[in-house]
Protein backbone atom coordinates (compact mmCIF):
# COMPACT_ATOMS: atom_id res chain seq x y z
CA MET A 1 161.93 52.10 70.09
CA ASN A 2 158.09 53.01 69.22
CA ASN A 3 155.84 49.67 70.23
CA VAL A 4 152.78 51.33 69.19
CA LYS A 5 150.97 49.51 66.25
CA SER A 6 150.23 51.17 62.97
CA VAL A 7 146.50 50.97 61.93
CA GLN A 8 147.79 48.43 59.03
CA GLU A 9 149.81 46.20 61.09
CA CYS A 10 147.02 45.61 63.26
CA PHE A 11 144.97 44.70 59.79
CA ASP A 12 147.69 42.55 58.86
CA TYR A 13 147.28 39.67 61.57
CA PRO A 14 144.10 38.36 61.64
CA GLU A 15 144.52 35.20 62.66
CA GLN A 16 145.75 36.86 66.18
CA ASP A 17 141.92 38.35 66.55
CA GLN A 18 140.73 34.80 65.59
CA GLU A 19 142.76 32.96 67.77
CA LEU A 20 141.56 35.21 71.00
CA MET A 21 138.06 35.29 69.62
CA LYS A 22 138.03 31.40 69.81
CA SER A 23 139.70 31.31 73.25
CA TRP A 24 136.82 34.00 74.50
CA ILE A 25 134.11 31.61 72.82
CA ASP A 26 135.52 28.48 74.28
CA GLU A 27 135.10 30.04 77.84
CA ASN A 28 131.98 28.56 79.71
CA LEU A 29 130.71 31.73 81.64
CA VAL A 30 127.08 30.46 82.42
CA THR A 31 127.60 30.20 86.36
CA ASP A 32 125.40 30.09 89.50
CA THR A 33 127.00 33.26 90.77
CA VAL A 34 124.22 35.01 89.35
CA ALA A 35 121.95 33.58 92.55
CA SER A 36 124.29 34.09 95.24
CA PHE A 37 126.46 36.82 96.71
CA VAL A 38 129.85 37.49 96.40
CA PRO A 39 131.49 39.47 98.58
CA GLY A 40 133.98 42.23 97.66
CA PRO A 41 135.80 45.56 98.11
CA GLY A 42 132.90 47.62 99.65
CA ILE A 43 130.42 45.03 100.35
CA GLN A 44 129.79 42.10 102.61
CA LYS A 45 127.42 39.65 104.91
CA ILE A 46 127.23 40.60 108.21
CA ASN A 47 126.45 37.84 111.16
CA ILE A 48 123.01 38.50 111.94
CA THR A 49 119.75 37.32 110.12
CA PHE A 50 116.29 37.99 110.47
CA ASP A 51 113.20 35.64 109.80
CA ILE A 52 112.34 36.35 105.94
CA LYS A 53 108.98 35.50 106.23
CA LYS A 54 107.98 38.04 109.06
CA LEU A 55 109.92 40.87 107.12
CA ARG A 56 107.70 40.11 103.71
CA ASP A 57 104.67 40.18 105.40
CA THR A 58 105.59 43.30 107.82
CA PHE A 59 106.27 45.15 104.15
CA GLU A 60 103.01 44.14 103.11
CA ASP A 61 100.78 45.38 105.79
CA ALA A 62 103.18 48.48 105.31
CA ARG A 63 102.43 48.92 101.94
CA LYS A 64 99.44 51.32 103.02
CA HIS A 65 102.77 53.84 103.80
CA ILE A 66 104.50 53.63 100.74
CA LEU A 67 105.51 57.21 98.97
CA ASP A 68 106.60 57.66 95.56
CA VAL A 69 109.96 59.12 95.47
CA GLY A 70 110.00 59.14 91.48
CA ASP A 71 112.64 57.66 88.99
CA GLY A 72 111.18 53.93 89.36
CA PHE A 73 111.59 54.10 93.43
CA LYS A 74 109.37 54.47 96.30
CA ALA A 75 110.19 54.26 99.67
CA ILE A 76 108.22 53.57 103.42
CA PRO A 77 109.94 55.53 106.24
CA ILE A 78 110.79 52.89 109.36
CA THR A 79 112.47 55.75 111.16
CA ARG A 80 111.70 59.64 111.94
CA ARG A 81 113.15 62.49 113.37
CA PRO A 82 111.03 62.96 116.77
CA GLY A 83 107.68 64.23 116.30
CA VAL A 84 107.99 64.81 112.45
CA SER A 85 105.24 62.76 111.22
CA THR A 86 105.37 63.94 107.60
CA PRO A 87 109.10 63.38 105.86
CA THR A 88 110.23 65.93 103.50
CA GLU A 89 111.68 65.39 100.40
CA THR A 90 115.31 65.71 101.49
CA ASP A 91 114.19 62.95 104.13
CA MET A 92 113.52 60.58 101.59
CA ILE A 93 116.67 61.24 99.49
CA GLY A 94 119.30 63.19 100.98
CA ARG A 95 122.76 64.36 100.28
CA TYR A 96 124.48 62.34 97.51
CA TYR A 97 127.39 63.13 94.88
CA MET A 98 127.44 62.49 91.34
CA ARG A 99 130.29 62.76 88.07
CA PRO A 100 127.17 63.55 85.47
CA ASP A 101 128.65 64.27 82.32
CA GLU A 102 131.74 63.92 80.42
CA THR A 103 134.07 66.14 82.33
CA TYR A 104 134.21 63.41 85.14
CA LYS A 105 133.66 66.27 87.44
CA GLU A 106 131.81 65.71 90.84
CA VAL A 107 128.80 67.86 91.82
CA VAL A 108 127.05 67.69 94.73
CA LEU A 109 123.23 67.46 95.08
CA ASP A 110 120.19 67.66 97.68
CA GLU A 111 120.62 68.68 101.46
CA LEU A 112 122.96 67.22 103.94
CA VAL A 113 120.66 65.00 106.44
CA ASP A 114 121.47 64.67 110.20
CA GLU A 115 121.48 60.93 110.42
CA PHE A 116 121.41 60.73 114.11
CA ALA A 117 118.15 62.51 114.32
CA PHE A 118 116.22 59.75 113.03
CA SER A 119 116.29 58.00 116.18
CA GLU A 120 112.56 57.09 116.49
CA LEU A 121 110.82 54.05 115.21
CA CYS A 122 107.62 55.48 112.92
CA PRO A 123 104.88 54.93 115.43
CA GLU A 124 102.83 52.98 113.10
CA PHE A 125 105.63 50.02 113.03
CA GLU A 126 105.58 49.72 117.06
CA GLY A 127 104.59 46.24 117.54
CA THR A 128 105.85 45.16 114.45
CA TYR A 129 108.58 42.97 113.13
CA PHE A 130 110.54 46.29 111.56
CA GLU A 131 110.76 47.39 115.48
CA THR A 132 112.26 44.13 115.81
CA LEU A 133 114.60 44.43 113.00
CA HIS A 134 115.24 48.19 114.56
CA GLN A 135 116.11 47.53 117.80
CA GLN A 136 118.84 44.42 116.81
CA LEU A 137 120.56 46.61 114.67
CA SER A 138 120.59 49.45 117.12
CA LYS A 139 122.07 47.07 119.66
CA ARG A 140 124.70 46.78 117.26
CA PHE A 141 125.32 49.52 115.61
CA PRO A 142 124.26 53.38 115.14
CA ILE A 143 121.32 53.72 112.48
CA GLY A 144 119.96 56.53 111.44
CA ARG A 145 117.38 56.83 108.38
CA MET A 146 115.64 53.53 108.02
CA ARG A 147 113.21 53.06 104.61
CA ALA A 148 112.00 50.05 102.94
CA LEU A 149 112.63 51.16 99.19
CA LEU A 150 111.06 49.27 96.10
CA LEU A 151 112.73 49.39 92.45
CA ASN A 152 110.38 48.50 90.14
CA THR A 153 111.29 46.47 86.91
CA TYR A 154 113.59 46.97 84.35
CA LYS A 155 115.02 50.35 86.60
CA ASN A 156 118.31 51.45 87.98
CA ASN A 157 119.51 54.14 90.23
CA SER A 158 122.08 56.81 89.63
CA TRP A 159 125.81 56.03 89.62
CA HIS A 160 126.19 58.20 92.77
CA ARG A 161 127.80 57.90 95.89
CA ASP A 162 126.97 58.88 99.53
CA PRO A 163 128.13 60.42 102.94
CA GLU A 164 127.57 57.42 104.89
CA PRO A 165 127.51 53.42 104.50
CA ARG A 166 124.31 51.55 104.63
CA LEU A 167 122.94 48.25 105.48
CA HIS A 168 120.70 46.71 103.17
CA ILE A 169 118.15 43.78 103.76
CA PRO A 170 116.87 42.36 100.76
CA ILE A 171 113.43 41.24 101.18
CA LYS A 172 112.18 40.72 97.76
CA THR A 173 114.34 40.03 94.57
CA ASN A 174 115.11 38.06 91.67
CA PRO A 175 118.18 36.95 89.88
CA GLY A 176 118.37 39.96 87.79
CA SER A 177 118.54 42.69 90.57
CA LEU A 178 122.19 43.38 90.99
CA PHE A 179 124.42 45.83 93.58
CA VAL A 180 127.42 47.32 91.88
CA VAL A 181 129.80 49.41 94.14
CA ASN A 182 132.79 50.78 92.83
CA HIS A 183 132.61 48.26 90.05
CA HIS A 184 132.04 45.14 91.83
CA VAL A 185 128.61 43.39 90.70
CA THR A 186 127.16 40.85 93.16
CA HIS A 187 123.32 39.70 93.59
CA LEU A 188 121.85 39.45 97.46
CA PRO A 189 119.83 37.24 97.89
CA ALA A 190 116.45 37.95 99.96
CA ASP A 191 116.95 35.08 102.67
CA GLY A 192 116.93 37.38 106.04
CA SER A 193 121.02 37.98 105.49
CA VAL A 194 122.24 41.99 106.39
CA TYR A 195 124.73 43.33 104.25
CA PHE A 196 127.24 45.87 104.50
CA THR A 197 127.67 48.18 101.83
CA ASP A 198 129.94 51.12 101.49
CA THR A 199 128.16 53.40 99.48
CA ARG A 200 130.80 56.29 100.32
CA GLY A 201 132.02 54.57 97.02
CA TYR A 202 130.43 55.16 93.68
CA HIS A 203 127.60 52.70 93.41
CA THR A 204 124.25 51.79 91.66
CA ALA A 205 121.42 49.12 91.88
CA ILE A 206 119.71 47.80 89.08
CA ASN A 207 116.64 45.69 88.96
CA GLY A 208 116.57 43.82 85.08
CA GLY A 209 114.19 41.54 86.59
CA THR A 210 110.50 40.98 85.98
CA GLN A 211 109.32 41.32 89.69
CA PRO A 212 110.14 44.38 91.87
CA ARG A 213 113.11 44.67 93.82
CA VAL A 214 112.29 45.41 97.92
CA HIS A 215 115.45 46.15 100.14
CA ILE A 216 115.11 48.07 103.76
CA VAL A 217 118.10 50.23 103.64
CA ALA A 218 119.70 51.74 107.39
CA THR A 219 122.00 54.45 106.88
CA LEU A 220 125.33 54.01 109.44
CA PRO A 221 125.79 57.47 110.87
CA LEU A 222 128.98 58.97 110.86
CA ARG A 223 130.65 61.45 113.09
CA SER A 224 131.97 64.25 111.37
């Protein structure tokens, strides 16, 4: 038996739509979760925290090193390949994958980065809290490129995936700043916490707030 309703049958029962609409309107969707972290598949908080004031102060001191990456993003490199004082465009962006149009076909963009090569702290951050951050994370995990990434107001990243997962340490944020991994959406408070984000899945960052959003992002290199 064909259970698909005709267009006319759908029009004949308006009370069903009215009942559904009433149930949706009666729901209370105003919650405090917009200002807190909700873990989900591909995004978890790990068991280490840092001094948020020291992170913010160090970022402010480092602003003179900021680079414009384009599309509302700015970046400060914190690690580098040994002896390489000027990062290339690939160093700042690196390989990523997208499904850019209605065909849904995945395409490969930019050059692959050897994350293990970014083993050296940029000399300008020696003796700063960024060095403490890098040392403490490196004791726990392999760390590749580490960058402070600034996303301007009312901007978002592309819907894409990366070859490796990332650690995110928010240092300036707002409730309109959201992170999406494989359609799980949450806010990452800037309280010194470190978040594992499995950016091998499709993801994006959104800053719908009135203040720039700043995260320190560290790549977790993987052996091929």
